Amino acid sequence: MTSSAKTALCLTGGGVTGGLYQIGALAALEDVIEGLSFDIYLGTSSGASIAAALAGGVSLRRLYRALLDPADNYFPLERNHIMSLDFDEWRRTIFSGMSSMRHGFASLVARTPAPAPNDLWEQLDRLYDALPAGLFTLDRYETFLSDFFLRRGVPNSFRALGKQLLIPANDLDAGELVMFGSPGLDHVPVSLACAASMALPLFFSPVRVGTRFYIDGGVGRINDIEAAAERGAELVVVVNPNVPIRAANASGVPTGHGSGSSLRDKGMMWVYNQAMRCGVQARLQEAIERVQSKRSIEVLLIEPESSETLRFLHNAASFSARREILEWSYRSTRELVRRWVADHKPVADSYGWHATASTDGASIPPPPPPANID
């Protein structure tokens, strides 16, 4: 280890349930390792908001406790902050669709002899361009996050943060990964960068930053670990909830219409979600191998066991499901981290990281604070 060696935390996102898993895992990491600290924070998708809050000084333990108590308004995120219909896109869809249908009908009527069935499909293809760019907008979430930062004293500026923060997103029209917080992109408000990194295609419309549009930072090449290494990190902790859900041997897959036997029973969006999980895990493994083949770098990868991933299928708006994910993540990560510290003691010692005394069966202590604590 060099005297300038740094530590980095990379959070890969994973929606609301992924965010809950990451917070539970980080709470366990904080409890198990004495002297834990990070120099660089990288967050993608929902992990961007968590990374930004931690880089800005928000207490991880306080955030964990707030999410355990539905009456606690410390982080008052509501469904409508995220699931907010993009009315501008839907208006464009309606007008564009009507225009396409008019042109298509006129084209079919004008054809002689009478149009064939293939001609009809040709005209229907016009409607593809009229589909909305996304179902929901993240404008309301960006406003919520900006207000949260203001209330909790977190700078909404990369340049004003006490720690280095990087948030990846993909430039829609250039097809390139960018790092908000890096030189040239550190003028963007942190809350806006977080929203841009969350803009998962199909669900959310691309987020406009200046004259460019951005989508989720996790849909292409994963460059977080490499970016951390380039900035001097030699020890990187990666928390990745995005592992494929193993439903093949499960007794039942929970759905809104009863218990199913396959993820197919949860519909199109969960088939897409599983495809994303498979891609993220494969690209993350490739990224770790790529970086370690070029540099001497230690990576602590925290992921859920495949046998436990059915927990992600429960409704994240449910208090019981939320608590289950937080506590499961906390318990499973405690054991994983203890094993890692024991197996990598010289590395951990060189950074001043020491395992605390074992308290088997413990859960994160304090009971939730009284309701309405600000």
Protein backbone atom coordinates (compact mmCIF):
# COMPACT_ATOMS: atom_id res chain seq x y z
CA MET A 1 0.00 0.00 0.00
CA THR A 2 1.30 3.44 -0.90
CA SER A 3 1.07 6.40 1.44
CA SER A 4 -1.42 8.02 -0.94
CA ALA A 5 -3.61 4.91 -1.26
CA LYS A 6 -7.31 5.58 -0.84
CA THR A 7 -10.46 3.65 -0.10
CA ALA A 8 -13.61 3.78 -2.22
CA LEU A 9 -17.23 2.77 -1.84
CA CYS A 10 -19.20 1.76 -4.96
CA LEU A 11 -22.98 1.34 -4.84
CA THR A 12 -24.62 -0.16 -7.91
CA GLY A 13 -28.26 0.72 -7.28
CA GLY A 14 -31.17 -1.65 -7.85
CA GLY A 15 -34.33 0.38 -7.32
CA VAL A 16 -36.04 0.83 -3.96
CA THR A 17 -35.36 -2.71 -2.74
CA GLY A 18 -31.76 -2.43 -3.91
CA GLY A 19 -31.38 0.81 -1.98
CA LEU A 20 -32.76 -0.87 1.15
CA TYR A 21 -30.32 -3.75 0.74
CA GLN A 22 -27.40 -1.35 0.39
CA ILE A 23 -28.34 0.64 3.48
CA GLY A 24 -28.67 -2.54 5.54
CA ALA A 25 -25.33 -3.83 4.25
CA LEU A 26 -23.58 -0.54 4.95
CA ALA A 27 -25.03 -0.44 8.47
CA ALA A 28 -23.50 -3.86 9.09
CA LEU A 29 -20.19 -2.77 7.55
CA GLU A 30 -20.12 0.25 9.84
CA ASP A 31 -20.88 -1.88 12.91
CA VAL A 32 -18.36 -4.62 12.13
CA ILE A 33 -15.37 -2.51 11.08
CA GLU A 34 -13.87 -0.10 13.54
CA GLY A 35 -12.12 2.81 11.85
CA LEU A 36 -14.19 2.51 8.68
CA SER A 37 -13.89 5.47 6.33
CA PHE A 38 -13.90 6.13 2.58
CA ASP A 39 -12.13 8.74 0.49
CA ILE A 40 -14.14 8.26 -2.71
CA TYR A 41 -17.85 7.56 -3.17
CA LEU A 42 -19.38 6.27 -6.39
CA GLY A 43 -23.10 5.64 -6.77
CA THR A 44 -25.20 4.44 -9.68
CA SER A 45 -28.99 4.61 -10.01
CA SER A 46 -30.58 4.43 -6.53
CA GLY A 47 -27.07 3.99 -5.13
CA ALA A 48 -26.23 7.52 -6.32
CA SER A 49 -28.56 9.12 -3.77
CA ILE A 50 -27.14 6.99 -0.93
CA ALA A 51 -23.55 7.73 -1.96
CA ALA A 52 -24.32 11.45 -2.19
CA ALA A 53 -25.92 11.52 1.26
CA LEU A 54 -22.99 9.68 2.86
CA ALA A 55 -20.41 11.84 1.09
CA GLY A 56 -22.29 14.86 2.42
CA GLY A 57 -22.13 13.67 6.03
CA VAL A 58 -25.53 12.02 6.57
CA SER A 59 -25.39 9.42 9.34
CA LEU A 60 -25.86 5.94 7.91
CA ARG A 61 -27.25 4.71 11.22
CA ARG A 62 -29.80 7.55 11.27
CA LEU A 63 -30.90 6.72 7.73
CA TYR A 64 -31.26 3.03 8.62
CA ARG A 65 -33.38 3.83 11.65
CA ALA A 66 -35.58 6.21 9.68
CA LEU A 67 -36.37 3.55 7.09
CA LEU A 68 -37.34 1.09 9.82
CA ASP A 69 -40.03 3.41 11.13
CA PRO A 70 -42.82 4.49 8.72
CA ALA A 71 -43.68 7.39 11.04
CA ASP A 72 -40.16 8.85 10.98
CA ASN A 73 -39.98 11.82 8.59
CA TYR A 74 -36.18 12.06 8.39
CA PHE A 75 -36.24 10.77 4.80
CA PRO A 76 -39.90 11.17 3.77
CA LEU A 77 -39.72 9.57 0.34
CA GLU A 78 -43.15 8.69 -1.06
CA ARG A 79 -44.25 6.67 -4.05
CA ASN A 80 -45.41 9.77 -5.96
CA HIS A 81 -41.88 11.24 -5.81
CA ILE A 82 -40.77 8.45 -8.14
CA MET A 83 -43.93 7.18 -9.86
CA SER A 84 -44.88 10.52 -11.37
CA LEU A 85 -46.32 10.28 -14.87
CA ASP A 86 -44.45 12.22 -17.55
CA PHE A 87 -47.43 14.15 -18.91
CA ASP A 88 -45.29 16.04 -21.43
CA GLU A 89 -44.21 12.74 -22.97
CA TRP A 90 -47.73 11.36 -22.98
CA ARG A 91 -49.00 14.52 -24.70
CA ARG A 92 -46.28 14.13 -27.33
CA THR A 93 -47.28 10.50 -27.75
CA ILE A 94 -50.94 11.36 -28.33
CA PHE A 95 -50.26 14.08 -30.88
CA SER A 96 -47.49 12.14 -32.65
CA GLY A 97 -49.63 9.02 -32.71
CA MET A 98 -52.60 10.84 -34.21
CA SER A 99 -50.35 12.43 -36.83
CA SER A 100 -48.83 9.05 -37.72
CA MET A 101 -52.27 7.50 -38.04
CA ARG A 102 -53.49 10.31 -40.31
CA HIS A 103 -50.46 10.02 -42.59
CA GLY A 104 -50.69 6.25 -42.60
CA PHE A 105 -54.41 6.23 -43.41
CA ALA A 106 -53.93 8.76 -46.21
CA SER A 107 -51.06 6.69 -47.62
CA LEU A 108 -53.13 3.50 -47.59
CA VAL A 109 -56.16 5.12 -49.20
CA ALA A 110 -54.04 6.59 -51.99
CA ARG A 111 -52.50 3.26 -52.95
CA THR A 112 -53.65 1.44 -56.05
CA PRO A 113 -54.34 -1.36 -56.30
CA ALA A 114 -55.76 -1.92 -52.81
CA PRO A 115 -53.07 -2.12 -50.09
CA ALA A 116 -51.86 -5.54 -49.01
CA PRO A 117 -51.61 -6.65 -45.33
CA ASN A 118 -47.86 -5.91 -45.41
CA ASP A 119 -48.66 -2.31 -46.31
CA LEU A 120 -50.75 -2.03 -43.15
CA TRP A 121 -47.87 -3.27 -40.98
CA GLU A 122 -45.56 -0.81 -42.72
CA GLN A 123 -47.79 2.05 -41.65
CA LEU A 124 -48.17 0.71 -38.12
CA ASP A 125 -44.38 0.85 -37.81
CA ARG A 126 -44.77 4.63 -37.81
CA LEU A 127 -46.32 4.37 -34.36
CA TYR A 128 -43.06 3.13 -32.82
CA ASP A 129 -41.67 6.64 -33.04
CA ALA A 130 -44.73 7.98 -31.24
CA LEU A 131 -44.20 5.87 -28.12
CA PRO A 132 -43.23 7.86 -24.98
CA ALA A 133 -39.54 8.11 -24.06
CA GLY A 134 -40.50 6.85 -20.61
CA LEU A 135 -43.56 6.21 -18.46
CA PHE A 136 -42.52 8.41 -15.54
CA THR A 137 -40.51 11.56 -14.95
CA LEU A 138 -37.89 12.01 -12.23
CA ASP A 139 -38.46 15.77 -11.91
CA ARG A 140 -40.37 15.37 -8.66
CA TYR A 141 -37.71 13.05 -7.22
CA GLU A 142 -34.96 15.54 -8.09
CA THR A 143 -36.89 18.26 -6.24
CA PHE A 144 -37.43 15.96 -3.25
CA LEU A 145 -33.73 15.08 -3.09
CA SER A 146 -32.67 18.71 -3.42
CA ASP A 147 -34.97 19.62 -0.51
CA PHE A 148 -33.67 16.71 1.57
CA PHE A 149 -30.07 17.84 1.05
CA LEU A 150 -31.01 21.38 2.06
CA ARG A 151 -32.76 20.26 5.27
CA ARG A 152 -29.96 17.92 6.30
CA GLY A 153 -27.09 20.26 5.52
CA VAL A 154 -25.75 18.25 2.58
CA PRO A 155 -24.15 20.44 -0.11
CA ASN A 156 -25.92 20.07 -3.45
CA SER A 157 -22.63 20.81 -5.20
CA PHE A 158 -19.87 18.34 -6.02
CA ARG A 159 -17.28 21.03 -5.39
CA ALA A 160 -18.58 21.76 -1.88
CA LEU A 161 -18.69 18.16 -0.65
CA GLY A 162 -16.09 17.10 1.89
CA LYS A 163 -15.50 13.81 0.04
CA GLN A 164 -15.01 13.01 -3.63
CA LEU A 165 -18.27 11.88 -5.22
CA LEU A 166 -18.72 10.43 -8.70
CA ILE A 167 -22.07 9.56 -10.27
CA PRO A 168 -22.10 7.68 -13.59
CA ALA A 169 -24.80 8.17 -16.22
CA ASN A 170 -25.05 7.46 -19.94
CA ASP A 171 -25.32 10.26 -22.49
CA LEU A 172 -28.34 9.17 -24.53
CA ASP A 173 -27.35 10.74 -27.86
CA ALA A 174 -23.61 10.07 -27.64
CA GLY A 175 -23.95 6.54 -26.29
CA GLU A 176 -21.14 7.23 -23.82
CA LEU A 177 -20.70 6.81 -20.09
CA VAL A 178 -19.96 10.04 -18.20
CA MET A 179 -18.99 10.67 -14.59
CA PHE A 180 -20.78 13.56 -12.94
CA GLY A 181 -18.44 15.06 -10.38
CA SER A 182 -15.38 14.74 -12.61
CA PRO A 183 -13.76 17.87 -14.08
CA GLY A 184 -16.10 19.48 -16.59
CA LEU A 185 -19.15 17.81 -15.04
CA ASP A 186 -18.76 18.97 -11.44
CA HIS A 187 -20.94 22.06 -11.94
CA VAL A 188 -24.13 19.96 -12.18
CA PRO A 189 -26.24 19.90 -8.99
CA VAL A 190 -25.77 16.61 -7.17
CA SER A 191 -29.53 16.01 -6.98
CA LEU A 192 -29.84 16.38 -10.76
CA ALA A 193 -26.94 14.00 -11.36
CA CYS A 194 -28.61 11.45 -9.04
CA ALA A 195 -31.84 11.72 -11.03
CA ALA A 196 -29.98 11.31 -14.33
CA SER A 197 -28.25 8.17 -13.05
CA MET A 198 -31.66 6.72 -12.06
CA ALA A 199 -33.36 7.17 -15.44
CA LEU A 200 -33.83 3.49 -16.25
CA PRO A 201 -35.12 3.07 -19.83
CA LEU A 202 -38.80 2.15 -20.27
CA PHE A 203 -39.63 3.27 -16.73
CA PHE A 204 -38.23 6.82 -16.70
CA SER A 205 -37.81 9.46 -19.36
CA PRO A 206 -34.23 10.59 -19.98
CA VAL A 207 -33.17 13.42 -17.65
CA ARG A 208 -32.10 16.67 -19.24
CA VAL A 209 -28.89 18.27 -17.96
CA GLY A 210 -28.10 21.42 -19.88
CA THR A 211 -28.61 20.56 -23.55
CA ARG A 212 -27.98 16.80 -23.14
CA PHE A 213 -30.18 13.88 -22.10
CA TYR A 214 -29.00 11.11 -19.78
CA ILE A 215 -30.15 7.63 -18.80
CA ASP A 216 -29.30 5.15 -16.04
CA GLY A 217 -25.58 4.77 -15.35
CA GLY A 218 -25.88 0.99 -14.98
CA VAL A 219 -27.19 0.04 -18.42
CA GLY A 220 -23.84 -0.03 -20.21
CA ARG A 221 -20.20 -0.54 -19.31
CA ILE A 222 -19.50 -0.59 -15.57
CA ASN A 223 -16.56 1.69 -14.94
CA ASP A 224 -16.93 2.52 -11.23
CA ILE A 225 -14.05 0.42 -9.93
CA GLU A 226 -11.74 1.59 -12.68
CA ALA A 227 -12.68 5.22 -11.97
CA ALA A 228 -11.91 4.69 -8.27
CA ALA A 229 -8.57 3.04 -9.09
CA GLU A 230 -7.60 5.89 -11.40
CA ARG A 231 -8.12 8.27 -8.48
CA GLY A 232 -5.81 6.34 -6.18
CA ALA A 233 -8.11 3.78 -4.56
CA GLU A 234 -6.41 0.49 -3.69
CA LEU A 235 -9.24 -0.89 -1.57
CA VAL A 236 -12.77 -0.79 -2.98
CA VAL A 237 -15.97 -1.94 -1.30
CA VAL A 238 -18.72 -2.77 -3.79
CA VAL A 239 -22.31 -3.30 -2.62
CA ASN A 240 -24.32 -4.90 -5.42
CA PRO A 241 -27.95 -6.01 -4.90
CA ASN A 242 -28.28 -6.72 -8.65
CA VAL A 243 -27.90 -10.48 -8.71
CA PRO A 244 -30.29 -12.75 -10.64
CA ILE A 245 -33.30 -13.89 -8.65
CA ARG A 246 -33.29 -17.66 -8.20
CA ALA A 247 -36.93 -18.69 -8.47
CA ALA A 248 -36.44 -22.14 -10.02
CA ASN A 249 -36.45 -24.06 -6.74
CA ALA A 250 -38.68 -21.70 -4.77
CA SER A 251 -41.96 -22.84 -3.26
CA GLY A 252 -43.73 -19.86 -4.81
CA VAL A 253 -43.19 -16.51 -6.50
CA PRO A 254 -45.26 -13.74 -4.84
CA THR A 255 -47.45 -11.83 -7.30
CA GLY A 256 -50.37 -9.44 -7.05
CA HIS A 257 -52.72 -12.25 -8.08
CA GLY A 258 -51.49 -15.06 -5.86
CA SER A 259 -48.46 -17.32 -5.77
CA GLY A 260 -46.81 -18.10 -9.10
CA SER A 261 -44.29 -20.68 -10.22
CA SER A 262 -42.08 -18.43 -12.39
CA LEU A 263 -40.95 -14.81 -12.70
CA ARG A 264 -43.00 -14.85 -15.90
CA ASP A 265 -46.07 -14.78 -13.66
CA LYS A 266 -45.06 -11.30 -12.46
CA GLY A 267 -45.29 -9.91 -15.97
CA MET A 268 -43.21 -7.96 -18.45
CA MET A 269 -41.55 -5.56 -16.03
CA TRP A 270 -40.13 -8.33 -13.85
CA VAL A 271 -38.89 -10.24 -16.89
CA TYR A 272 -37.08 -7.02 -17.84
CA ASN A 273 -35.84 -6.59 -14.26
CA GLN A 274 -34.36 -10.10 -14.28
CA ALA A 275 -32.64 -9.39 -17.59
CA MET A 276 -31.11 -6.25 -16.10
CA ARG A 277 -29.91 -8.16 -13.03
CA CYS A 278 -28.21 -10.81 -15.16
CA GLY A 279 -26.48 -8.10 -17.19
CA VAL A 280 -25.32 -6.00 -14.24
CA GLN A 281 -23.82 -8.93 -12.34
CA ALA A 282 -22.00 -10.22 -15.42
CA ARG A 283 -20.62 -6.78 -16.30
CA LEU A 284 -19.59 -6.12 -12.70
CA GLN A 285 -17.62 -9.37 -12.54
CA GLU A 286 -15.97 -8.47 -15.84
CA ALA A 287 -15.11 -5.00 -14.52
CA ILE A 288 -13.50 -6.41 -11.37
CA GLU A 289 -11.43 -8.90 -13.38
CA ARG A 290 -10.44 -6.18 -15.87
CA VAL A 291 -9.20 -3.80 -13.20
CA GLN A 292 -7.42 -6.46 -11.15
CA SER A 293 -5.59 -7.67 -14.26
CA LYS A 294 -4.05 -4.21 -14.63
CA ARG A 295 -3.64 -2.97 -11.05
CA SER A 296 -2.96 -4.20 -7.55
CA ILE A 297 -6.33 -3.53 -5.96
CA GLU A 298 -8.38 -5.25 -3.27
CA VAL A 299 -12.15 -5.54 -3.80
CA LEU A 300 -14.65 -6.47 -1.11
CA LEU A 301 -17.78 -7.47 -3.00
CA ILE A 302 -20.99 -7.57 -0.97
CA GLU A 303 -23.87 -9.33 -2.72
CA PRO A 304 -26.94 -11.25 -1.51
CA GLU A 305 -26.90 -15.03 -1.60
CA SER A 306 -28.83 -16.32 -4.61
CA SER A 307 -31.03 -18.43 -2.31
CA GLU A 308 -32.23 -15.26 -0.56
CA THR A 309 -33.06 -13.10 -3.57
CA LEU A 310 -36.80 -13.86 -3.57
CA ARG A 311 -37.06 -11.22 -0.85
CA PHE A 312 -36.63 -8.58 -3.58
CA LEU A 313 -39.95 -9.65 -5.12
CA HIS A 314 -42.05 -8.30 -2.26
CA ASN A 315 -43.71 -4.90 -2.49
CA ALA A 316 -41.14 -2.32 -1.37
CA ALA A 317 -43.98 -0.01 -0.25
CA SER A 318 -44.90 -2.55 2.41
CA PHE A 319 -43.47 -1.76 5.84
CA SER A 320 -42.99 -5.43 6.71
CA ALA A 321 -41.15 -6.11 3.42
CA ARG A 322 -38.98 -3.05 3.91
CA ARG A 323 -38.02 -4.08 7.43
CA GLU A 324 -37.34 -7.65 6.30
CA ILE A 325 -34.92 -6.53 3.58
CA LEU A 326 -33.08 -4.11 5.88
CA GLU A 327 -32.62 -6.63 8.69
CA TRP A 328 -31.78 -9.55 6.36
CA SER A 329 -29.18 -7.45 4.59
CA TYR A 330 -27.71 -6.32 7.90
CA ARG A 331 -27.44 -9.84 9.34
CA SER A 332 -26.03 -11.53 6.23
CA THR A 333 -23.48 -8.77 5.62
CA ARG A 334 -22.15 -8.92 9.18
CA GLU A 335 -20.99 -12.48 8.67
CA LEU A 336 -19.58 -11.85 5.20
CA VAL A 337 -17.55 -8.85 6.37
CA ARG A 338 -16.20 -10.66 9.43
CA ARG A 339 -14.95 -13.47 7.19
CA TRP A 340 -13.36 -10.99 4.79
CA VAL A 341 -11.54 -9.12 7.56
CA ALA A 342 -10.24 -12.42 8.98
CA ASP A 343 -9.03 -13.55 5.55
CA HIS A 344 -7.51 -10.15 4.62
CA LYS A 345 -6.19 -9.02 8.00
CA PRO A 346 -2.94 -7.45 6.70
CA VAL A 347 -4.90 -5.39 4.16
CA ALA A 348 -7.53 -4.32 6.69
CA ASP A 349 -4.85 -3.45 9.27
CA SER A 350 -2.96 -1.32 6.77
CA TYR A 351 -6.04 0.90 6.44
CA GLY A 352 -6.77 0.94 10.16
CA TRP A 353 -9.84 -1.28 9.75
CA HIS A 354 -10.36 -3.63 12.69
CA ALA A 355 -13.24 -5.98 13.38
CA THR A 356 -15.24 -5.12 16.47
CA ALA A 357 -15.94 -7.73 19.13
CA SER A 358 -18.35 -10.36 17.83
CA THR A 359 -21.94 -10.02 18.97
CA ASP A 360 -23.61 -12.96 17.29
CA GLY A 361 -27.30 -12.57 16.67
CA ALA A 362 -27.26 -8.82 17.27
CA SER A 363 -29.22 -6.47 15.11
CA ILE A 364 -28.62 -2.81 14.68
CA PRO A 365 -29.49 -1.41 18.04
CA PRO A 366 -31.55 1.50 18.70
CA PRO A 367 -35.30 1.35 18.45
CA PRO A 368 -36.69 3.78 15.90
CA PRO A 369 -36.74 7.36 17.20
CA PRO A 370 -40.06 8.97 18.11
CA ALA A 371 -42.27 9.95 15.18
CA ASN A 372 -41.78 13.36 13.54
CA ILE A 373 -38.20 13.79 14.75
CA ASP A 374 -36.55 16.19 12.34
